[in-house]
C-alpha atoms as a PDB file:
ATOM      1  CA  MET A   1      64.466  66.579  67.800  1.00  0.00           C
ATOM      2  CA  SER A   2      63.681  67.208  70.952  1.00  0.00           C
ATOM      3  CA  VAL A   3      59.942  68.427  72.046  1.00  0.00           C
ATOM      4  CA  VAL A   4      60.206  71.576  71.995  1.00  0.00           C
ATOM      5  CA  GLU A   5      62.250  71.840  68.413  1.00  0.00           C
ATOM      6  CA  THR A   6      59.346  70.062  67.746  1.00  0.00           C
ATOM      7  CA  ILE A   7      56.938  72.402  68.959  1.00  0.00           C
ATOM      8  CA  LYS A   8      58.869  75.408  67.688  1.00  0.00           C
ATOM      9  CA  GLU A   9      58.927  73.808  64.516  1.00  0.00           C
ATOM     10  CA  GLN A  10      54.953  73.853  64.277  1.00  0.00           C
ATOM     11  CA  ILE A  11      54.513  77.686  65.658  1.00  0.00           C
ATOM     12  CA  GLU A  12      57.464  79.068  62.994  1.00  0.00           C
ATOM     13  CA  ASN A  13      55.995  76.873  59.383  1.00  0.00           C
ATOM     14  CA  ASN A  14      51.948  77.276  59.912  1.00  0.00           C
ATOM     15  CA  ALA A  15      50.834  81.132  60.713  1.00  0.00           C
ATOM     16  CA  ILE A  16      47.679  79.653  62.015  1.00  0.00           C
ATOM     17  CA  LEU A  17      48.058  77.013  64.438  1.00  0.00           C
ATOM     18  CA  LEU A  18      45.744  75.265  67.410  1.00  0.00           C
ATOM     19  CA  TYR A  19      46.638  73.101  69.911  1.00  0.00           C
ATOM     20  CA  MET A  20      43.921  70.844  70.712  1.00  0.00           C
ATOM     21  CA  LYS A  21      42.134  68.370  72.143  1.00  0.00           C
ATOM     22  CA  GLY A  22      40.877  65.707  69.741  1.00  0.00           C
ATOM     23  CA  THR A  23      40.479  67.255  65.725  1.00  0.00           C
ATOM     24  CA  PRO A  24      38.603  70.560  64.240  1.00  0.00           C
ATOM     25  CA  ARG A  25      35.960  67.803  62.756  1.00  0.00           C
ATOM     26  CA  PHE A  26      35.619  65.848  65.995  1.00  0.00           C
ATOM     27  CA  PRO A  27      36.883  67.946  68.880  1.00  0.00           C
ATOM     28  CA  GLN A  28      37.372  66.270  72.213  1.00  0.00           C
ATOM     29  CA  CYS A  29      36.579  68.882  74.842  1.00  0.00           C
ATOM     30  CA  GLY A  30      34.104  71.648  74.788  1.00  0.00           C
ATOM     31  CA  PHE A  31      36.399  74.030  75.496  1.00  0.00           C
ATOM     32  CA  SER A  32      38.817  73.080  71.929  1.00  0.00           C
ATOM     33  CA  SER A  33      35.098  72.295  70.037  1.00  0.00           C
ATOM     34  CA  ARG A  34      34.255  76.121  70.592  1.00  0.00           C
ATOM     35  CA  ALA A  35      37.933  77.262  69.930  1.00  0.00           C
ATOM     36  CA  VAL A  36      37.830  75.204  66.498  1.00  0.00           C
ATOM     37  CA  GLU A  37      34.451  76.759  65.936  1.00  0.00           C
ATOM     38  CA  ALA A  38      35.325  80.129  66.319  1.00  0.00           C
ATOM     39  CA  VAL A  39      38.474  80.004  64.299  1.00  0.00           C
ATOM     40  CA  MET A  40      36.679  77.431  61.105  1.00  0.00           C
ATOM     41  CA  SER A  41      34.089  81.021  61.460  1.00  0.00           C
ATOM     42  CA  CYS A  42      37.116  82.992  59.889  1.00  0.00           C
ATOM     43  CA  GLY A  43      36.959  80.772  56.542  1.00  0.00           C
ATOM     44  CA  GLU A  44      40.625  80.234  56.366  1.00  0.00           C
ATOM     45  CA  ARG A  45      42.359  77.547  56.294  1.00  0.00           C
ATOM     46  CA  PHE A  46      44.672  76.519  59.576  1.00  0.00           C
ATOM     47  CA  ALA A  47      47.113  73.826  61.071  1.00  0.00           C
ATOM     48  CA  PHE A  48      46.121  71.771  64.343  1.00  0.00           C
ATOM     49  CA  VAL A  49      48.044  69.708  66.884  1.00  0.00           C
ATOM     50  CA  ASN A  50      45.966  66.923  68.281  1.00  0.00           C
ATOM     51  CA  ILE A  51      47.238  66.830  71.689  1.00  0.00           C
ATOM     52  CA  LEU A  52      45.569  63.687  72.798  1.00  0.00           C
ATOM     53  CA  GLU A  53      47.594  62.000  70.523  1.00  0.00           C
ATOM     54  CA  ASN A  54      51.161  64.235  71.275  1.00  0.00           C
ATOM     55  CA  PRO A  55      51.125  63.332  74.788  1.00  0.00           C
ATOM     56  CA  ASP A  56      54.387  64.943  74.938  1.00  0.00           C
ATOM     57  CA  ILE A  57      53.662  67.976  73.150  1.00  0.00           C
ATOM     58  CA  ARG A  58      50.837  68.342  75.969  1.00  0.00           C
ATOM     59  CA  SER A  59      53.079  68.014  78.727  1.00  0.00           C
ATOM     60  CA  GLU A  60      55.438  70.264  77.445  1.00  0.00           C
ATOM     61  CA  LEU A  61      54.146  73.344  75.529  1.00  0.00           C
ATOM     62  CA  PRO A  62      52.652  74.804  78.508  1.00  0.00           C
ATOM     63  CA  LYS A  63      55.953  75.227  80.253  1.00  0.00           C
ATOM     64  CA  TYR A  64      56.710  76.836  76.645  1.00  0.00           C
ATOM     65  CA  ALA A  65      54.143  78.834  76.005  1.00  0.00           C
ATOM     66  CA  ASN A  66      53.567  79.894  79.552  1.00  0.00           C
ATOM     67  CA  TRP A  67      50.246  78.968  79.340  1.00  0.00           C
ATOM     68  CA  PRO A  68      49.010  76.368  81.479  1.00  0.00           C
ATOM     69  CA  THR A  69      45.433  75.177  79.334  1.00  0.00           C
ATOM     70  CA  PHE A  70      44.492  74.456  76.164  1.00  0.00           C
ATOM     71  CA  PRO A  71      42.931  74.930  73.056  1.00  0.00           C
ATOM     72  CA  GLN A  72      45.876  77.888  72.073  1.00  0.00           C
ATOM     73  CA  LEU A  73      46.149  79.310  69.078  1.00  0.00           C
ATOM     74  CA  TRP A  74      49.210  80.464  67.634  1.00  0.00           C
ATOM     75  CA  ILE A  75      49.253  83.300  64.720  1.00  0.00           C
ATOM     76  CA  ASN A  76      52.345  84.159  63.327  1.00  0.00           C
ATOM     77  CA  GLY A  77      54.401  82.843  65.993  1.00  0.00           C
ATOM     78  CA  GLU A  78      52.667  84.524  68.596  1.00  0.00           C
ATOM     79  CA  LEU A  79      50.775  82.600  71.465  1.00  0.00           C
ATOM     80  CA  VAL A  80      47.055  84.396  70.850  1.00  0.00           C
ATOM     81  CA  GLY A  81      45.043  82.382  74.013  1.00  0.00           C
ATOM     82  CA  GLY A  82      42.817  80.135  74.867  1.00  0.00           C
ATOM     83  CA  CYS A  83      39.108  79.242  74.308  1.00  0.00           C
ATOM     84  CA  ASP A  84      37.641  82.350  76.054  1.00  0.00           C
ATOM     85  CA  ILE A  85      40.472  84.668  74.613  1.00  0.00           C
ATOM     86  CA  ILE A  86      39.624  83.499  70.936  1.00  0.00           C
ATOM     87  CA  CYS A  87      35.590  83.600  71.214  1.00  0.00           C
ATOM     88  CA  ASP A  88      36.023  87.138  72.789  1.00  0.00           C
ATOM     89  CA  MET A  89      38.187  88.032  69.685  1.00  0.00           C
ATOM     90  CA  ALA A  90      35.915  86.148  66.938  1.00  0.00           C
ATOM     91  CA  ALA A  91      32.847  88.121  68.801  1.00  0.00           C
ATOM     92  CA  SER A  92      34.646  91.526  68.311  1.00  0.00           C
ATOM     93  CA  GLY A  93      35.326  90.532  64.627  1.00  0.00           C
ATOM     94  CA  GLU A  94      39.327  90.510  65.480  1.00  0.00           C
ATOM     95  CA  LEU A  95      39.582  87.100  65.289  1.00  0.00           C
ATOM     96  CA  LYS A  96      38.313  87.280  61.786  1.00  0.00           C
ATOM     97  CA  GLU A  97      41.189  90.426  61.293  1.00  0.00           C
ATOM     98  CA  MET A  98      44.129  88.767  62.223  1.00  0.00           C
ATOM     99  CA  ILE A  99      43.536  85.053  61.071  1.00  0.00           C
ATOM    100  CA  VAL A 100      42.336  86.942  57.514  1.00  0.00           C
ATOM    101  CA  ALA A 101      45.787  89.192  57.628  1.00  0.00           C
ATOM    102  CA  ALA A 102      47.961  85.828  58.930  1.00  0.00           C
ATOM    103  CA  SER A 103      46.176  83.390  56.029  1.00  0.00           C
ATOM    104  CA  LYS A 104      47.470  86.484  53.339  1.00  0.00           C
ATOM    105  CA  ASP A 105      51.075  86.656  54.483  1.00  0.00           C
ATOM    106  CA  ASP A 106      51.501  83.223  54.497  1.00  0.00           C
ATOM    107  CA  GLU A 107      50.620  82.798  50.883  1.00  0.00           C
ATOM    108  CA  GLY A 108      52.115  85.825  49.901  1.00  0.00           C
ATOM    109  CA  GLU A 109      55.467  83.880  51.499  1.00  0.00           C
ATOM    110  CA  SER A 110      54.304  80.671  49.729  1.00  0.00           C
ATOM    111  CA  ALA A 111      54.035  82.371  46.338  1.00  0.00           C
END
């Protein structure tokens, strides 16, 4: 499977997916730390990919997404954005609405 196919599969198979540096419990940069904190504050489960452990994804995802930086939040197969967008949406309440809706959609599909 190519790296792009792997990325597509990850995005398709996870309603809420955060590509980040490090892990939610141990973020490896300030932007990833702020982003994961915002996503975690929504109270729903989400998937993540530590791009520091996946150099092929780290190099290919910016081209695939047409978004040059990390973290990247994907909800229901759509790129939401990076740290600033995630934090702005969290502050307005929009992020929680999107994440809760995606989580409910995801539960419905697996039931």
